[in-house]
Amino acid sequence: MNWITEYVKHHTLAETSSVLGLAVTTLCLLITVVMLALTKRSADAARAAATAAQIGMLKNQAIARCSEAIAIVTEIRHLVQAEYWHILPDRYSTLERSLVSLREMEP
């Protein structure tokens, strides 16, 4: 406590406020750097979670499209067995569109 009174006796108010301003500015700079690092870490975690969710959605879509293609193939097989030849071109086109959309999915 004694060093504070000695400092005040020998220095002006402007010098004291300048030193205090430097200390406060340095502290705020350190807090800003720490918060920036935490924000970057949070942003990276959010990006990873979004990527994982997107991959999961793509997998679900791929499974749905594969199931759709399998159902169409099964229907085509039944139509061939029943000799409904006039319906087959339409079902083959539908199967082709389903398989092309599956192939064009983003990985």
C-alpha atoms as a PDB file:
ATOM      1  CA  MET A   1       0.000   0.000   0.000  1.00  0.00           C
ATOM      2  CA  ASN A   2       2.937   2.275   0.694  1.00  0.00           C
ATOM      3  CA  TRP A   3       4.203   2.109  -2.876  1.00  0.00           C
ATOM      4  CA  ILE A   4       0.864   3.406  -4.145  1.00  0.00           C
ATOM      5  CA  THR A   5       1.044   6.566  -2.052  1.00  0.00           C
ATOM      6  CA  GLU A   6       4.658   7.142  -3.113  1.00  0.00           C
ATOM      7  CA  TYR A   7       3.680   6.768  -6.755  1.00  0.00           C
ATOM      8  CA  VAL A   8       0.795   9.255  -6.397  1.00  0.00           C
ATOM      9  CA  LYS A   9       3.079  11.812  -4.708  1.00  0.00           C
ATOM     10  CA  HIS A  10       5.663  11.750  -7.515  1.00  0.00           C
ATOM     11  CA  HIS A  11       3.456  11.412 -10.605  1.00  0.00           C
ATOM     12  CA  THR A  12       0.724  13.543 -12.140  1.00  0.00           C
ATOM     13  CA  LEU A  13      -2.833  12.426 -12.798  1.00  0.00           C
ATOM     14  CA  ALA A  14      -2.126  12.228 -16.539  1.00  0.00           C
ATOM     15  CA  GLU A  15       0.783   9.828 -16.002  1.00  0.00           C
ATOM     16  CA  THR A  16      -1.288   7.697 -13.648  1.00  0.00           C
ATOM     17  CA  SER A  17      -4.237   7.512 -16.025  1.00  0.00           C
ATOM     18  CA  SER A  18      -1.878   6.675 -18.893  1.00  0.00           C
ATOM     19  CA  VAL A  19      -0.412   3.731 -16.982  1.00  0.00           C
ATOM     20  CA  LEU A  20      -3.870   2.525 -15.932  1.00  0.00           C
ATOM     21  CA  GLY A  21      -5.118   2.912 -19.515  1.00  0.00           C
ATOM     22  CA  LEU A  22      -2.239   0.779 -20.785  1.00  0.00           C
ATOM     23  CA  ALA A  23      -3.001  -1.916 -18.214  1.00  0.00           C
ATOM     24  CA  VAL A  24      -6.723  -1.951 -19.050  1.00  0.00           C
ATOM     25  CA  THR A  25      -5.997  -2.005 -22.795  1.00  0.00           C
ATOM     26  CA  THR A  26      -3.569  -4.915 -22.403  1.00  0.00           C
ATOM     27  CA  LEU A  27      -6.097  -6.850 -20.312  1.00  0.00           C
ATOM     28  CA  CYS A  28      -8.856  -6.252 -22.870  1.00  0.00           C
ATOM     29  CA  LEU A  29      -6.545  -7.358 -25.686  1.00  0.00           C
ATOM     30  CA  LEU A  30      -5.795 -10.609 -23.860  1.00  0.00           C
ATOM     31  CA  ILE A  31      -9.495 -11.230 -23.248  1.00  0.00           C
ATOM     32  CA  THR A  32     -10.200 -10.575 -26.943  1.00  0.00           C
ATOM     33  CA  VAL A  33      -7.531 -13.065 -28.048  1.00  0.00           C
ATOM     34  CA  VAL A  34      -8.901 -15.731 -25.703  1.00  0.00           C
ATOM     35  CA  MET A  35     -12.468 -15.134 -26.894  1.00  0.00           C
ATOM     36  CA  LEU A  36     -11.314 -15.301 -30.514  1.00  0.00           C
ATOM     37  CA  ALA A  37      -9.707 -18.692 -29.893  1.00  0.00           C
ATOM     38  CA  LEU A  38     -12.875 -19.974 -28.200  1.00  0.00           C
ATOM     39  CA  THR A  39     -15.039 -18.667 -31.029  1.00  0.00           C
ATOM     40  CA  LYS A  40     -12.845 -20.351 -33.633  1.00  0.00           C
ATOM     41  CA  ARG A  41     -13.049 -23.635 -31.759  1.00  0.00           C
ATOM     42  CA  SER A  42     -16.836 -23.353 -31.579  1.00  0.00           C
ATOM     43  CA  ALA A  43     -17.076 -22.522 -35.278  1.00  0.00           C
ATOM     44  CA  ASP A  44     -14.929 -25.543 -36.169  1.00  0.00           C
ATOM     45  CA  ALA A  45     -17.109 -27.804 -34.021  1.00  0.00           C
ATOM     46  CA  ALA A  46     -20.270 -26.408 -35.636  1.00  0.00           C
ATOM     47  CA  ARG A  47     -18.803 -26.944 -39.101  1.00  0.00           C
ATOM     48  CA  ALA A  48     -17.926 -30.553 -38.266  1.00  0.00           C
ATOM     49  CA  ALA A  49     -21.404 -31.189 -36.876  1.00  0.00           C
ATOM     50  CA  ALA A  50     -23.035 -29.679 -39.966  1.00  0.00           C
ATOM     51  CA  THR A  51     -20.874 -31.826 -42.247  1.00  0.00           C
ATOM     52  CA  ALA A  52     -21.740 -34.955 -40.279  1.00  0.00           C
ATOM     53  CA  ALA A  53     -25.449 -34.116 -40.457  1.00  0.00           C
ATOM     54  CA  GLN A  54     -25.215 -33.505 -44.197  1.00  0.00           C
ATOM     55  CA  ILE A  55     -23.469 -36.848 -44.736  1.00  0.00           C
ATOM     56  CA  GLY A  56     -26.143 -38.579 -42.650  1.00  0.00           C
ATOM     57  CA  MET A  57     -28.899 -37.008 -44.731  1.00  0.00           C
ATOM     58  CA  LEU A  58     -27.185 -38.065 -47.954  1.00  0.00           C
ATOM     59  CA  LYS A  59     -26.914 -41.626 -46.667  1.00  0.00           C
ATOM     60  CA  ASN A  60     -30.624 -41.651 -45.834  1.00  0.00           C
ATOM     61  CA  GLN A  61     -31.489 -40.313 -49.275  1.00  0.00           C
ATOM     62  CA  ALA A  62     -29.266 -42.931 -50.914  1.00  0.00           C
ATOM     63  CA  ILE A  63     -30.937 -45.710 -48.937  1.00  0.00           C
ATOM     64  CA  ALA A  64     -34.391 -44.402 -49.934  1.00  0.00           C
ATOM     65  CA  ARG A  65     -33.421 -44.238 -53.594  1.00  0.00           C
ATOM     66  CA  CYS A  66     -31.931 -47.737 -53.490  1.00  0.00           C
ATOM     67  CA  SER A  67     -35.138 -49.043 -51.928  1.00  0.00           C
ATOM     68  CA  GLU A  68     -37.127 -47.305 -54.638  1.00  0.00           C
ATOM     69  CA  ALA A  69     -34.948 -48.860 -57.363  1.00  0.00           C
ATOM     70  CA  ILE A  70     -35.298 -52.324 -55.808  1.00  0.00           C
ATOM     71  CA  ALA A  71     -39.084 -51.922 -55.678  1.00  0.00           C
ATOM     72  CA  ILE A  72     -39.138 -50.922 -59.351  1.00  0.00           C
ATOM     73  CA  VAL A  73     -36.959 -53.907 -60.315  1.00  0.00           C
ATOM     74  CA  THR A  74     -39.316 -56.200 -58.418  1.00  0.00           C
ATOM     75  CA  GLU A  75     -42.283 -54.662 -60.210  1.00  0.00           C
ATOM     76  CA  ILE A  76     -40.539 -55.070 -63.592  1.00  0.00           C
ATOM     77  CA  ARG A  77     -39.885 -58.733 -62.798  1.00  0.00           C
ATOM     78  CA  HIS A  78     -43.570 -59.283 -62.036  1.00  0.00           C
ATOM     79  CA  LEU A  79     -44.620 -57.436 -65.200  1.00  0.00           C
ATOM     80  CA  VAL A  80     -42.286 -59.605 -67.300  1.00  0.00           C
ATOM     81  CA  GLN A  81     -43.678 -62.773 -65.721  1.00  0.00           C
ATOM     82  CA  ALA A  82     -47.216 -61.579 -66.392  1.00  0.00           C
ATOM     83  CA  GLU A  83     -46.221 -60.537 -69.939  1.00  0.00           C
ATOM     84  CA  TYR A  84     -47.436 -56.934 -69.603  1.00  0.00           C
ATOM     85  CA  TRP A  85     -44.997 -55.726 -72.250  1.00  0.00           C
ATOM     86  CA  HIS A  86     -46.743 -52.415 -72.927  1.00  0.00           C
ATOM     87  CA  ILE A  87     -46.069 -51.165 -69.363  1.00  0.00           C
ATOM     88  CA  LEU A  88     -42.373 -52.147 -69.251  1.00  0.00           C
ATOM     89  CA  PRO A  89     -40.868 -49.190 -71.166  1.00  0.00           C
ATOM     90  CA  ASP A  90     -42.376 -46.746 -68.683  1.00  0.00           C
ATOM     91  CA  ARG A  91     -41.105 -48.739 -65.695  1.00  0.00           C
ATOM     92  CA  TYR A  92     -37.616 -49.046 -67.246  1.00  0.00           C
ATOM     93  CA  SER A  93     -37.549 -45.260 -67.704  1.00  0.00           C
ATOM     94  CA  THR A  94     -38.551 -44.776 -64.088  1.00  0.00           C
ATOM     95  CA  LEU A  95     -35.824 -47.183 -62.975  1.00  0.00           C
ATOM     96  CA  GLU A  96     -33.268 -45.374 -65.102  1.00  0.00           C
ATOM     97  CA  ARG A  97     -34.206 -41.981 -63.607  1.00  0.00           C
ATOM     98  CA  SER A  98     -33.981 -43.437 -60.124  1.00  0.00           C
ATOM     99  CA  LEU A  99     -30.536 -44.915 -60.728  1.00  0.00           C
ATOM    100  CA  VAL A 100     -29.236 -41.757 -62.423  1.00  0.00           C
ATOM    101  CA  SER A 101     -30.406 -39.617 -59.500  1.00  0.00           C
ATOM    102  CA  LEU A 102     -28.641 -42.025 -57.145  1.00  0.00           C
ATOM    103  CA  ARG A 103     -25.424 -41.788 -59.139  1.00  0.00           C
ATOM    104  CA  GLU A 104     -25.569 -37.982 -59.245  1.00  0.00           C
ATOM    105  CA  MET A 105     -25.869 -37.566 -55.501  1.00  0.00           C
ATOM    106  CA  GLU A 106     -23.119 -35.464 -53.939  1.00  0.00           C
ATOM    107  CA  PRO A 107     -20.744 -37.525 -51.798  1.00  0.00           C
END
